[in-house]
């Protein structure tokens, strides 16, 4: 099952009537980050998700 990173950015801040930008990134698959153990796989997938979310904030 894919994990789809979605970033929601509020500009200038998350207050009433702020502008909203939504970024939907490419899906991530656990099979792409398969490691030796389930824990290592979860850590690799979490790292990939964090990187994708941060990239979405930059865009």
N, C-alpha and C. Protein backbone atom coordinates (compact mmCIF):
# COMPACT_ATOMS: atom_id res chain seq x y z
N UNK A 1 0.84 -1.16 0.00
CA UNK A 1 0.00 0.00 0.00
C UNK A 1 0.90 1.25 0.00
N UNK A 2 0.61 2.20 -0.88
CA UNK A 2 1.45 3.40 -0.94
C UNK A 2 1.16 4.36 0.21
N UNK A 3 2.18 5.10 0.58
CA UNK A 3 2.05 6.19 1.55
C UNK A 3 2.26 7.47 0.75
N UNK A 4 1.26 8.35 0.75
CA UNK A 4 1.33 9.57 -0.05
C UNK A 4 1.60 10.75 0.88
N UNK A 5 2.80 11.35 0.78
CA UNK A 5 3.11 12.52 1.61
C UNK A 5 2.33 13.75 1.13
N UNK A 6 1.61 14.38 2.05
CA UNK A 6 0.85 15.59 1.74
C UNK A 6 1.28 16.68 2.71
N UNK A 7 1.72 17.81 2.15
CA UNK A 7 2.16 18.95 2.95
C UNK A 7 1.11 20.04 2.83
N UNK A 8 0.71 20.59 3.97
CA UNK A 8 -0.21 21.72 3.99
C UNK A 8 0.53 22.90 4.59
N UNK A 9 0.70 23.95 3.80
CA UNK A 9 1.40 25.15 4.27
C UNK A 9 0.46 26.33 4.34
N UNK A 10 0.53 27.07 5.44
CA UNK A 10 -0.29 28.26 5.63
C UNK A 10 0.61 29.49 5.54
N UNK A 11 0.17 30.49 4.79
CA UNK A 11 0.98 31.69 4.60
C UNK A 11 0.15 32.92 4.87
N UNK A 12 0.56 33.84 5.70
CA UNK A 12 1.85 33.89 6.39
C UNK A 12 1.89 33.03 7.66
N UNK A 13 0.75 32.69 8.23
CA UNK A 13 0.70 31.84 9.43
C UNK A 13 -0.65 31.14 9.46
N UNK A 14 -0.78 30.08 10.27
CA UNK A 14 -2.07 29.36 10.32
C UNK A 14 -3.12 30.11 11.14
N UNK A 15 -3.64 31.17 10.56
CA UNK A 15 -4.70 31.95 11.20
C UNK A 15 -5.85 32.10 10.21
N UNK A 16 -6.97 32.60 10.68
CA UNK A 16 -8.14 32.79 9.84
C UNK A 16 -7.79 33.63 8.62
N UNK A 17 -8.21 33.17 7.46
CA UNK A 17 -8.06 33.82 6.16
C UNK A 17 -6.62 33.80 5.64
N UNK A 18 -5.80 32.87 6.13
CA UNK A 18 -4.46 32.69 5.58
C UNK A 18 -4.55 32.03 4.21
N UNK A 19 -3.52 32.19 3.43
CA UNK A 19 -3.42 31.46 2.17
C UNK A 19 -2.95 30.05 2.48
N UNK A 20 -3.45 29.09 1.74
CA UNK A 20 -3.09 27.69 1.96
C UNK A 20 -2.48 27.12 0.69
N UNK A 21 -1.37 26.40 0.86
CA UNK A 21 -0.75 25.69 -0.25
C UNK A 21 -0.69 24.21 0.12
N UNK A 22 -1.15 23.37 -0.79
CA UNK A 22 -1.15 21.92 -0.56
C UNK A 22 -0.22 21.28 -1.60
N UNK A 23 0.73 20.51 -1.12
CA UNK A 23 1.67 19.81 -2.00
C UNK A 23 1.50 18.31 -1.81
N UNK A 24 1.20 17.61 -2.89
CA UNK A 24 1.07 16.15 -2.85
C UNK A 24 2.29 15.57 -3.55
N UNK A 25 3.10 14.84 -2.81
CA UNK A 25 4.34 14.28 -3.35
C UNK A 25 4.12 12.88 -3.91
N UNK A 26 5.14 12.35 -4.53
CA UNK A 26 5.08 10.99 -5.08
C UNK A 26 4.89 9.97 -3.96
N UNK A 27 4.16 8.90 -4.23
CA UNK A 27 3.94 7.90 -3.18
C UNK A 27 5.22 7.16 -2.80
N UNK A 28 5.25 6.73 -1.56
CA UNK A 28 6.36 5.92 -1.05
C UNK A 28 5.84 4.50 -0.82
N UNK A 29 6.70 3.53 -1.04
CA UNK A 29 6.33 2.12 -0.86
C UNK A 29 7.31 1.48 0.10
N UNK A 30 6.79 0.73 1.07
CA UNK A 30 7.64 0.06 2.05
C UNK A 30 8.61 -0.90 1.37
N UNK A 31 8.18 -1.52 0.29
CA UNK A 31 9.05 -2.48 -0.42
C UNK A 31 10.31 -1.80 -0.96
N UNK A 32 10.23 -0.51 -1.28
CA UNK A 32 11.39 0.22 -1.79
C UNK A 32 12.44 0.44 -0.72
N UNK A 33 12.04 0.45 0.55
CA UNK A 33 12.95 0.70 1.66
C UNK A 33 13.15 -0.55 2.51
N UNK A 34 12.91 -1.72 1.96
CA UNK A 34 13.02 -2.98 2.69
C UNK A 34 14.43 -3.15 3.24
N UNK A 35 14.53 -3.45 4.54
CA UNK A 35 15.80 -3.64 5.22
C UNK A 35 15.83 -5.03 5.85
N UNK A 36 16.83 -5.29 6.66
CA UNK A 36 17.00 -6.60 7.28
C UNK A 36 15.91 -6.97 8.27
N UNK A 37 15.47 -6.00 9.08
CA UNK A 37 14.43 -6.26 10.07
C UNK A 37 13.27 -5.29 9.86
N UNK A 38 12.14 -5.58 10.48
CA UNK A 38 10.98 -4.69 10.38
C UNK A 38 11.30 -3.32 10.97
N UNK A 39 12.06 -3.31 12.07
CA UNK A 39 12.41 -2.04 12.71
C UNK A 39 13.27 -1.20 11.77
N UNK A 40 14.24 -1.81 11.13
CA UNK A 40 15.10 -1.08 10.19
C UNK A 40 14.30 -0.58 8.99
N UNK A 41 13.35 -1.38 8.53
CA UNK A 41 12.48 -0.97 7.43
C UNK A 41 11.65 0.24 7.84
N UNK A 42 11.08 0.20 9.05
CA UNK A 42 10.27 1.32 9.55
C UNK A 42 11.12 2.58 9.67
N UNK A 43 12.35 2.44 10.15
CA UNK A 43 13.23 3.61 10.28
C UNK A 43 13.58 4.19 8.91
N UNK A 44 13.86 3.34 7.93
CA UNK A 44 14.19 3.80 6.59
C UNK A 44 12.98 4.48 5.94
N UNK A 45 11.81 3.91 6.12
CA UNK A 45 10.59 4.49 5.55
C UNK A 45 10.27 5.83 6.22
N UNK A 46 10.47 5.91 7.53
CA UNK A 46 10.24 7.16 8.25
C UNK A 46 11.20 8.24 7.77
N UNK A 47 12.45 7.87 7.54
CA UNK A 47 13.44 8.83 7.04
C UNK A 47 13.06 9.31 5.63
N UNK A 48 12.61 8.42 4.78
CA UNK A 48 12.19 8.79 3.42
C UNK A 48 10.96 9.69 3.46
N UNK A 49 10.02 9.40 4.37
CA UNK A 49 8.82 10.22 4.51
C UNK A 49 9.18 11.62 5.00
N UNK A 50 10.06 11.71 5.99
CA UNK A 50 10.48 13.01 6.51
C UNK A 50 11.16 13.84 5.41
N UNK A 51 12.01 13.21 4.62
CA UNK A 51 12.69 13.92 3.54
C UNK A 51 11.69 14.42 2.50
N UNK A 52 10.70 13.61 2.19
CA UNK A 52 9.69 14.00 1.21
C UNK A 52 8.85 15.16 1.73
N UNK A 53 8.46 15.12 3.00
CA UNK A 53 7.68 16.20 3.59
C UNK A 53 8.46 17.51 3.63
N UNK A 54 9.74 17.42 4.01
CA UNK A 54 10.58 18.63 4.03
C UNK A 54 10.74 19.21 2.63
N UNK A 55 10.89 18.35 1.63
CA UNK A 55 11.00 18.81 0.25
C UNK A 55 9.71 19.51 -0.18
N UNK A 56 8.59 18.99 0.27
CA UNK A 56 7.30 19.60 -0.05
C UNK A 56 7.15 20.99 0.56
N UNK A 57 7.76 21.22 1.72
CA UNK A 57 7.72 22.53 2.35
C UNK A 57 8.54 23.55 1.56
N UNK A 58 9.61 23.10 0.94
CA UNK A 58 10.49 23.98 0.18
C UNK A 58 9.84 24.43 -1.12
N UNK A 59 9.07 23.54 -1.72
CA UNK A 59 8.47 23.83 -3.03
C UNK A 59 7.42 24.87 -2.99
